[in-house]
């Protein structure tokens, strides 16, 4: 079982200037991830970048599922308006 805070820490360590919010029940999680690393990347590449950071935990079945919203800082700011 994995805690949301552990996922948040992994993503913040692996992404530039990441603002990460994670909620979940220990196996299924939802994440909102904002990072400048997502600039100029299509959605699929953004998700692959995140999955690559979490792959070891997915492979070991500690992390069963994660749904995510991946945003650039500009996209996140536009949501605030």
PDB file of N, CA and C in Angstrom:
ATOM      1  N   UNK A   1       0.846  -1.178   0.000  1.00  0.00           N
ATOM      2  CA  UNK A   1       0.000   0.000   0.000  1.00  0.00           C
ATOM      3  C   UNK A   1       0.893   1.243   0.000  1.00  0.00           C
ATOM      4  N   UNK A   2       0.436   2.265  -0.683  1.00  0.00           N
ATOM      5  CA  UNK A   2       1.220   3.481  -0.837  1.00  0.00           C
ATOM      6  C   UNK A   2       0.406   4.674  -0.346  1.00  0.00           C
ATOM      7  N   UNK A   3       1.075   5.615   0.258  1.00  0.00           N
ATOM      8  CA  UNK A   3       0.417   6.826   0.743  1.00  0.00           C
ATOM      9  C   UNK A   3       0.478   7.920  -0.321  1.00  0.00           C
ATOM     10  N   UNK A   4      -0.553   8.771  -0.388  1.00  0.00           N
ATOM     11  CA  UNK A   4      -0.532   9.882  -1.342  1.00  0.00           C
ATOM     12  C   UNK A   4       0.717  10.753  -1.206  1.00  0.00           C
ATOM     13  N   UNK A   5       1.179  10.944   0.009  1.00  0.00           N
ATOM     14  CA  UNK A   5       2.365  11.778   0.243  1.00  0.00           C
ATOM     15  C   UNK A   5       3.607  11.178  -0.415  1.00  0.00           C
ATOM     16  N   UNK A   6       3.707   9.855  -0.433  1.00  0.00           N
ATOM     17  CA  UNK A   6       4.856   9.200  -1.064  1.00  0.00           C
ATOM     18  C   UNK A   6       4.845   9.427  -2.574  1.00  0.00           C
ATOM     19  N   UNK A   7       3.675   9.362  -3.178  1.00  0.00           N
ATOM     20  CA  UNK A   7       3.563   9.631  -4.615  1.00  0.00           C
ATOM     21  C   UNK A   7       3.919  11.082  -4.894  1.00  0.00           C
ATOM     22  N   UNK A   8       3.387  11.977  -4.083  1.00  0.00           N
ATOM     23  CA  UNK A   8       3.684  13.403  -4.249  1.00  0.00           C
ATOM     24  C   UNK A   8       5.187  13.648  -4.178  1.00  0.00           C
ATOM     25  N   UNK A   9       5.856  13.041  -3.219  1.00  0.00           N
ATOM     26  CA  UNK A   9       7.301  13.223  -3.059  1.00  0.00           C
ATOM     27  C   UNK A   9       8.068  12.688  -4.273  1.00  0.00           C
ATOM     28  N   UNK A  10       7.679  11.535  -4.785  1.00  0.00           N
ATOM     29  CA  UNK A  10       8.340  10.972  -5.970  1.00  0.00           C
ATOM     30  C   UNK A  10       8.196  11.897  -7.172  1.00  0.00           C
ATOM     31  N   UNK A  11       6.999  12.416  -7.377  1.00  0.00           N
ATOM     32  CA  UNK A  11       6.756  13.283  -8.525  1.00  0.00           C
ATOM     33  C   UNK A  11       7.467  14.624  -8.374  1.00  0.00           C
ATOM     34  N   UNK A  12       7.461  15.166  -7.168  1.00  0.00           N
ATOM     35  CA  UNK A  12       8.163  16.436  -6.957  1.00  0.00           C
ATOM     36  C   UNK A  12       9.666  16.276  -7.144  1.00  0.00           C
ATOM     37  N   UNK A  13      10.202  15.130  -6.775  1.00  0.00           N
ATOM     38  CA  UNK A  13      11.637  14.893  -6.947  1.00  0.00           C
ATOM     39  C   UNK A  13      12.008  14.709  -8.415  1.00  0.00           C
ATOM     40  N   UNK A  14      11.084  14.181  -9.209  1.00  0.00           N
ATOM     41  CA  UNK A  14      11.400  13.865 -10.594  1.00  0.00           C
ATOM     42  C   UNK A  14      11.003  14.899 -11.623  1.00  0.00           C
ATOM     43  N   UNK A  15      10.217  15.903 -11.213  1.00  0.00           N
ATOM     44  CA  UNK A  15       9.735  16.921 -12.145  1.00  0.00           C
ATOM     45  C   UNK A  15      10.182  18.310 -11.700  1.00  0.00           C
ATOM     46  N   UNK A  16      10.485  19.153 -12.650  1.00  0.00           N
ATOM     47  CA  UNK A  16      10.942  20.505 -12.361  1.00  0.00           C
ATOM     48  C   UNK A  16       9.809  21.346 -11.793  1.00  0.00           C
ATOM     49  N   UNK A  17      10.068  22.005 -10.663  1.00  0.00           N
ATOM     50  CA  UNK A  17       9.110  22.938 -10.051  1.00  0.00           C
ATOM     51  C   UNK A  17       7.698  22.366  -9.994  1.00  0.00           C
ATOM     52  N   UNK A  18       7.565  21.126  -9.598  1.00  0.00           N
ATOM     53  CA  UNK A  18       6.260  20.463  -9.626  1.00  0.00           C
ATOM     54  C   UNK A  18       5.383  20.888  -8.457  1.00  0.00           C
ATOM     55  N   UNK A  19       4.136  21.177  -8.786  1.00  0.00           N
ATOM     56  CA  UNK A  19       3.086  21.384  -7.795  1.00  0.00           C
ATOM     57  C   UNK A  19       2.171  20.176  -7.934  1.00  0.00           C
ATOM     58  N   UNK A  20       2.125  19.342  -6.909  1.00  0.00           N
ATOM     59  CA  UNK A  20       1.448  18.050  -7.016  1.00  0.00           C
ATOM     60  C   UNK A  20       0.424  17.903  -5.897  1.00  0.00           C
ATOM     61  N   UNK A  21      -0.787  17.526  -6.282  1.00  0.00           N
ATOM     62  CA  UNK A  21      -1.840  17.183  -5.329  1.00  0.00           C
ATOM     63  C   UNK A  21      -2.247  15.744  -5.616  1.00  0.00           C
ATOM     64  N   UNK A  22      -2.250  14.907  -4.577  1.00  0.00           N
ATOM     65  CA  UNK A  22      -2.602  13.491  -4.750  1.00  0.00           C
ATOM     66  C   UNK A  22      -3.597  13.097  -3.665  1.00  0.00           C
ATOM     67  N   UNK A  23      -4.646  12.409  -4.079  1.00  0.00           N
ATOM     68  CA  UNK A  23      -5.590  11.811  -3.137  1.00  0.00           C
ATOM     69  C   UNK A  23      -5.789  10.361  -3.554  1.00  0.00           C
ATOM     70  N   UNK A  24      -6.140   9.526  -2.575  1.00  0.00           N
ATOM     71  CA  UNK A  24      -6.375   8.130  -2.918  1.00  0.00           C
ATOM     72  C   UNK A  24      -6.561   7.266  -1.696  1.00  0.00           C
ATOM     73  N   UNK A  25      -6.816   5.987  -1.958  1.00  0.00           N
ATOM     74  CA  UNK A  25      -7.148   5.046  -0.896  1.00  0.00           C
ATOM     75  C   UNK A  25      -6.029   4.053  -0.576  1.00  0.00           C
ATOM     76  N   UNK A  26      -4.839   4.295  -1.111  1.00  0.00           N
ATOM     77  CA  UNK A  26      -3.735   3.382  -0.854  1.00  0.00           C
ATOM     78  C   UNK A  26      -3.347   2.550  -2.068  1.00  0.00           C
ATOM     79  N   UNK A  27      -4.293   2.338  -2.991  1.00  0.00           N
ATOM     80  CA  UNK A  27      -3.993   1.603  -4.224  1.00  0.00           C
ATOM     81  C   UNK A  27      -4.462   2.342  -5.471  1.00  0.00           C
ATOM     82  N   UNK A  28      -5.516   3.127  -5.348  1.00  0.00           N
ATOM     83  CA  UNK A  28      -6.059   3.899  -6.467  1.00  0.00           C
ATOM     84  C   UNK A  28      -5.946   5.383  -6.117  1.00  0.00           C
ATOM     85  N   UNK A  29      -5.366   6.144  -7.033  1.00  0.00           N
ATOM     86  CA  UNK A  29      -5.081   7.548  -6.743  1.00  0.00           C
ATOM     87  C   UNK A  29      -5.521   8.457  -7.882  1.00  0.00           C
ATOM     88  N   UNK A  30      -5.743   9.719  -7.519  1.00  0.00           N
ATOM     89  CA  UNK A  30      -5.984  10.782  -8.484  1.00  0.00           C
ATOM     90  C   UNK A  30      -4.944  11.858  -8.199  1.00  0.00           C
ATOM     91  N   UNK A  31      -4.346  12.391  -9.268  1.00  0.00           N
ATOM     92  CA  UNK A  31      -3.296  13.397  -9.098  1.00  0.00           C
ATOM     93  C   UNK A  31      -3.525  14.571 -10.046  1.00  0.00           C
ATOM     94  N   UNK A  32      -3.227  15.748  -9.549  1.00  0.00           N
ATOM     95  CA  UNK A  32      -3.167  16.965 -10.365  1.00  0.00           C
ATOM     96  C   UNK A  32      -1.716  17.418 -10.290  1.00  0.00           C
ATOM     97  N   UNK A  33      -1.056  17.455 -11.443  1.00  0.00           N
ATOM     98  CA  UNK A  33       0.381  17.700 -11.489  1.00  0.00           C
ATOM     99  C   UNK A  33       0.650  18.886 -12.405  1.00  0.00           C
ATOM    100  N   UNK A  34       1.314  19.888 -11.866  1.00  0.00           N
ATOM    101  CA  UNK A  34       1.689  21.071 -12.644  1.00  0.00           C
ATOM    102  C   UNK A  34       3.210  21.127 -12.681  1.00  0.00           C
ATOM    103  N   UNK A  35       3.771  21.191 -13.890  1.00  0.00           N
ATOM    104  CA  UNK A  35       5.227  21.261 -14.032  1.00  0.00           C
ATOM    105  C   UNK A  35       5.596  21.903 -15.361  1.00  0.00           C
ATOM    106  N   UNK A  36       6.670  22.658 -15.338  1.00  0.00           N
ATOM    107  CA  UNK A  36       7.183  23.234 -16.584  1.00  0.00           C
ATOM    108  C   UNK A  36       7.762  22.149 -17.498  1.00  0.00           C
ATOM    109  N   UNK A  37       8.020  20.960 -16.965  1.00  0.00           N
ATOM    110  CA  UNK A  37       8.488  19.846 -17.801  1.00  0.00           C
ATOM    111  C   UNK A  37       7.450  19.441 -18.848  1.00  0.00           C
ATOM    112  N   UNK A  38       6.203  19.818 -18.644  1.00  0.00           N
ATOM    113  CA  UNK A  38       5.136  19.455 -19.576  1.00  0.00           C
ATOM    114  C   UNK A  38       5.011  20.416 -20.757  1.00  0.00           C
ATOM    115  N   UNK A  39       5.759  21.523 -20.726  1.00  0.00           N
ATOM    116  CA  UNK A  39       5.700  22.495 -21.820  1.00  0.00           C
ATOM    117  C   UNK A  39       5.992  21.798 -23.145  1.00  0.00           C
ATOM    118  N   UNK A  40       5.183  22.080 -24.138  1.00  0.00           N
ATOM    119  CA  UNK A  40       5.365  21.576 -25.510  1.00  0.00           C
ATOM    120  C   UNK A  40       5.253  20.057 -25.642  1.00  0.00           C
ATOM    121  N   UNK A  41       4.757  19.376 -24.623  1.00  0.00           N
ATOM    122  CA  UNK A  41       4.564  17.927 -24.722  1.00  0.00           C
ATOM    123  C   UNK A  41       3.080  17.617 -24.912  1.00  0.00           C
ATOM    124  N   UNK A  42       2.760  16.688 -25.811  1.00  0.00           N
ATOM    125  CA  UNK A  42       1.364  16.254 -25.919  1.00  0.00           C
ATOM    126  C   UNK A  42       0.966  15.466 -24.666  1.00  0.00           C
ATOM    127  N   UNK A  43      -0.323  15.322 -24.465  1.00  0.00           N
ATOM    128  CA  UNK A  43      -0.847  14.677 -23.266  1.00  0.00           C
ATOM    129  C   UNK A  43      -0.247  13.292 -23.030  1.00  0.00           C
ATOM    130  N   UNK A  44      -0.153  12.494 -24.065  1.00  0.00           N
ATOM    131  CA  UNK A  44       0.388  11.144 -23.910  1.00  0.00           C
ATOM    132  C   UNK A  44       1.831  11.155 -23.407  1.00  0.00           C
ATOM    133  N   UNK A  45       2.641  12.056 -23.891  1.00  0.00           N
ATOM    134  CA  UNK A  45       4.041  12.140 -23.436  1.00  0.00           C
ATOM    135  C   UNK A  45       4.110  12.639 -21.997  1.00  0.00           C
ATOM    136  N   UNK A  46       3.216  13.529 -21.620  1.00  0.00           N
ATOM    137  CA  UNK A  46       3.170  13.998 -20.224  1.00  0.00           C
ATOM    138  C   UNK A  46       2.872  12.831 -19.296  1.00  0.00           C
ATOM    139  N   UNK A  47       1.866  12.044 -19.668  1.00  0.00           N
ATOM    140  CA  UNK A  47       1.493  10.902 -18.832  1.00  0.00           C
ATOM    141  C   UNK A  47       2.614   9.872 -18.788  1.00  0.00           C
ATOM    142  N   UNK A  48       3.285   9.636 -19.908  1.00  0.00           N
ATOM    143  CA  UNK A  48       4.403   8.693 -19.933  1.00  0.00           C
ATOM    144  C   UNK A  48       5.509   9.159 -18.991  1.00  0.00           C
ATOM    145  N   UNK A  49       5.772  10.447 -18.960  1.00  0.00           N
ATOM    146  CA  UNK A  49       6.787  11.004 -18.069  1.00  0.00           C
ATOM    147  C   UNK A  49       6.447  10.690 -16.609  1.00  0.00           C
ATOM    148  N   UNK A  50       5.193  10.862 -16.249  1.00  0.00           N
ATOM    149  CA  UNK A  50       4.752  10.567 -14.882  1.00  0.00           C
ATOM    150  C   UNK A  50       4.821   9.061 -14.610  1.00  0.00           C
ATOM    151  N   UNK A  51       4.306   8.259 -15.529  1.00  0.00           N
ATOM    152  CA  UNK A  51       4.349   6.802 -15.334  1.00  0.00           C
ATOM    153  C   UNK A  51       5.782   6.295 -15.197  1.00  0.00           C
ATOM    154  N   UNK A  52       6.708   6.869 -15.947  1.00  0.00           N
ATOM    155  CA  UNK A  52       8.110   6.456 -15.833  1.00  0.00           C
ATOM    156  C   UNK A  52       8.637   6.679 -14.415  1.00  0.00           C
ATOM    157  N   UNK A  53       8.208   7.748 -13.769  1.00  0.00           N
ATOM    158  CA  UNK A  53       8.645   8.031 -12.401  1.00  0.00           C
ATOM    159  C   UNK A  53       8.042   7.049 -11.394  1.00  0.00           C
ATOM    160  N   UNK A  54       6.884   6.505 -11.716  1.00  0.00           N
ATOM    161  CA  UNK A  54       6.166   5.625 -10.787  1.00  0.00           C
ATOM    162  C   UNK A  54       6.254   4.145 -11.152  1.00  0.00           C
ATOM    163  N   UNK A  55       6.922   3.818 -12.252  1.00  0.00           N
ATOM    164  CA  UNK A  55       6.880   2.466 -12.819  1.00  0.00           C
ATOM    165  C   UNK A  55       7.281   1.364 -11.845  1.00  0.00           C
ATOM    166  N   UNK A  56       8.304   1.578 -11.052  1.00  0.00           N
ATOM    167  CA  UNK A  56       8.740   0.533 -10.114  1.00  0.00           C
ATOM    168  C   UNK A  56       7.630   0.179  -9.129  1.00  0.00           C
ATOM    169  N   UNK A  57       6.863   1.166  -8.707  1.00  0.00           N
ATOM    170  CA  UNK A  57       5.773   0.927  -7.757  1.00  0.00           C
ATOM    171  C   UNK A  57       4.573   0.275  -8.444  1.00  0.00           C
ATOM    172  N   UNK A  58       4.371   0.598  -9.714  1.00  0.00           N
ATOM    173  CA  UNK A  58       3.311  -0.047 -10.493  1.00  0.00           C
ATOM    174  C   UNK A  58       3.678  -1.511 -10.737  1.00  0.00           C
ATOM    175  N   UNK A  59       4.919  -1.760 -11.139  1.00  0.00           N
ATOM    176  CA  UNK A  59       5.384  -3.126 -11.414  1.00  0.00           C
ATOM    177  C   UNK A  59       5.293  -4.026 -10.190  1.00  0.00           C
ATOM    178  N   UNK A  60       5.555  -3.468  -9.014  1.00  0.00           N
ATOM    179  CA  UNK A  60       5.510  -4.263  -7.785  1.00  0.00           C
ATOM    180  C   UNK A  60       4.095  -4.349  -7.215  1.00  0.00           C
ATOM    181  N   UNK A  61       3.131  -3.737  -7.901  1.00  0.00           N
ATOM    182  CA  UNK A  61       1.714  -3.731  -7.515  1.00  0.00           C
ATOM    183  C   UNK A  61       1.456  -3.012  -6.193  1.00  0.00           C
ATOM    184  N   UNK A  62       2.400  -2.193  -5.766  1.00  0.00           N
ATOM    185  CA  UNK A  62       2.171  -1.335  -4.607  1.00  0.00           C
ATOM    186  C   UNK A  62       1.209  -0.221  -5.004  1.00  0.00           C
ATOM    187  N   UNK A  63       1.367   0.248  -6.218  1.00  0.00           N
ATOM    188  CA  UNK A  63       0.494   1.272  -6.796  1.00  0.00           C
ATOM    189  C   UNK A  63      -0.299   0.599  -7.910  1.00  0.00           C
ATOM    190  N   UNK A  64      -1.590   0.484  -7.716  1.00  0.00           N
ATOM    191  CA  UNK A  64      -2.416  -0.244  -8.688  1.00  0.00           C
ATOM    192  C   UNK A  64      -2.892   0.657  -9.825  1.00  0.00           C
ATOM    193  N   UNK A  65      -3.349   1.866  -9.504  1.00  0.00           N
ATOM    194  CA  UNK A  65      -3.897   2.740 -10.548  1.00  0.00           C
ATOM    195  C   UNK A  65      -3.767   4.204 -10.138  1.00  0.00           C
ATOM    196  N   UNK A  66      -3.502   5.036 -11.135  1.00  0.00           N
ATOM    197  CA  UNK A  66      -3.468   6.473 -10.901  1.00  0.00           C
ATOM    198  C   UNK A  66      -4.075   7.173 -12.115  1.00  0.00           C
ATOM    199  N   UNK A  67      -4.994   8.068 -11.842  1.00  0.00           N
ATOM    200  CA  UNK A  67      -5.510   8.926 -12.905  1.00  0.00           C
ATOM    201  C   UNK A  67      -4.902  10.298 -12.656  1.00  0.00           C
ATOM    202  N   UNK A  68      -4.654  11.024 -13.727  1.00  0.00           N
ATOM    203  CA  UNK A  68      -3.925  12.281 -13.537  1.00  0.00           C
ATOM    204  C   UNK A  68      -4.370  13.363 -14.496  1.00  0.00           C
ATOM    205  N   UNK A  69      -4.188  14.584 -14.033  1.00  0.00           N
ATOM    206  CA  UNK A  69      -4.294  15.777 -14.864  1.00  0.00           C
ATOM    207  C   UNK A  69      -2.903  16.379 -14.862  1.00  0.00           C
ATOM    208  N   UNK A  70      -2.341  16.538 -16.033  1.00  0.00           N
ATOM    209  CA  UNK A  70      -0.991  17.090 -16.173  1.00  0.00           C
ATOM    210  C   UNK A  70      -1.102  18.442 -16.856  1.00  0.00           C
ATOM    211  N   UNK A  71      -0.633  19.471 -16.171  1.00  0.00           N
ATOM    212  CA  UNK A  71      -0.777  20.838 -16.649  1.00  0.00           C
ATOM    213  C   UNK A  71       0.554  21.568 -16.645  1.00  0.00           C
ATOM    214  N   UNK A  72       0.702  22.493 -17.580  1.00  0.00           N
ATOM    215  CA  UNK A  72       1.826  23.424 -17.530  1.00  0.00           C
ATOM    216  C   UNK A  72       1.449  24.530 -16.547  1.00  0.00           C
ATOM    217  N   UNK A  73       2.416  25.304 -16.075  1.00  0.00           N
ATOM    218  CA  UNK A  73       2.076  26.424 -15.197  1.00  0.00           C
ATOM    219  C   UNK A  73       1.083  27.396 -15.842  1.00  0.00           C
ATOM    220  N   UNK A  74       1.213  27.647 -17.136  1.00  0.00           N
ATOM    221  CA  UNK A  74       0.291  28.555 -17.822  1.00  0.00           C
ATOM    222  C   UNK A  74      -1.126  27.983 -17.846  1.00  0.00           C
ATOM    223  N   UNK A  75      -1.253  26.690 -18.077  1.00  0.00           N
ATOM    224  CA  UNK A  75      -2.572  26.065 -18.072  1.00  0.00           C
ATOM    225  C   UNK A  75      -3.196  26.110 -16.680  1.00  0.00           C
ATOM    226  N   UNK A  76      -2.393  25.878 -15.659  1.00  0.00           N
ATOM    227  CA  UNK A  76      -2.895  25.934 -14.288  1.00  0.00           C
ATOM    228  C   UNK A  76      -3.340  27.350 -13.939  1.00  0.00           C
ATOM    229  N   UNK A  77      -2.572  28.344 -14.368  1.00  0.00           N
ATOM    230  CA  UNK A  77      -2.933  29.740 -14.106  1.00  0.00           C
ATOM    231  C   UNK A  77      -4.229  30.107 -14.821  1.00  0.00           C
ATOM    232  N   UNK A  78      -4.414  29.607 -16.033  1.00  0.00           N
ATOM    233  CA  UNK A  78      -5.635  29.892 -16.790  1.00  0.00           C
ATOM    234  C   UNK A  78      -6.862  29.293 -16.100  1.00  0.00           C
ATOM    235  N   UNK A  79      -6.691  28.165 -15.433  1.00  0.00           N
ATOM    236  CA  UNK A  79      -7.800  27.560 -14.690  1.00  0.00           C
ATOM    237  C   UNK A  79      -8.211  28.418 -13.504  1.00  0.00           C
ATOM    238  N   UNK A  80      -7.266  29.158 -12.954  1.00  0.00           N
ATOM    239  CA  UNK A  80      -7.535  30.008 -11.799  1.00  0.00           C
ATOM    240  C   UNK A  80      -8.367  31.231 -12.171  1.00  0.00           C
ATOM    241  N   UNK A  81      -8.263  31.647 -13.432  1.00  0.00           N
ATOM    242  CA  UNK A  81      -8.969  32.861 -13.889  1.00  0.00           C
ATOM    243  C   UNK A  81     -10.444  32.642 -14.080  1.00  0.00           C
TER     244      UNK A  81
END
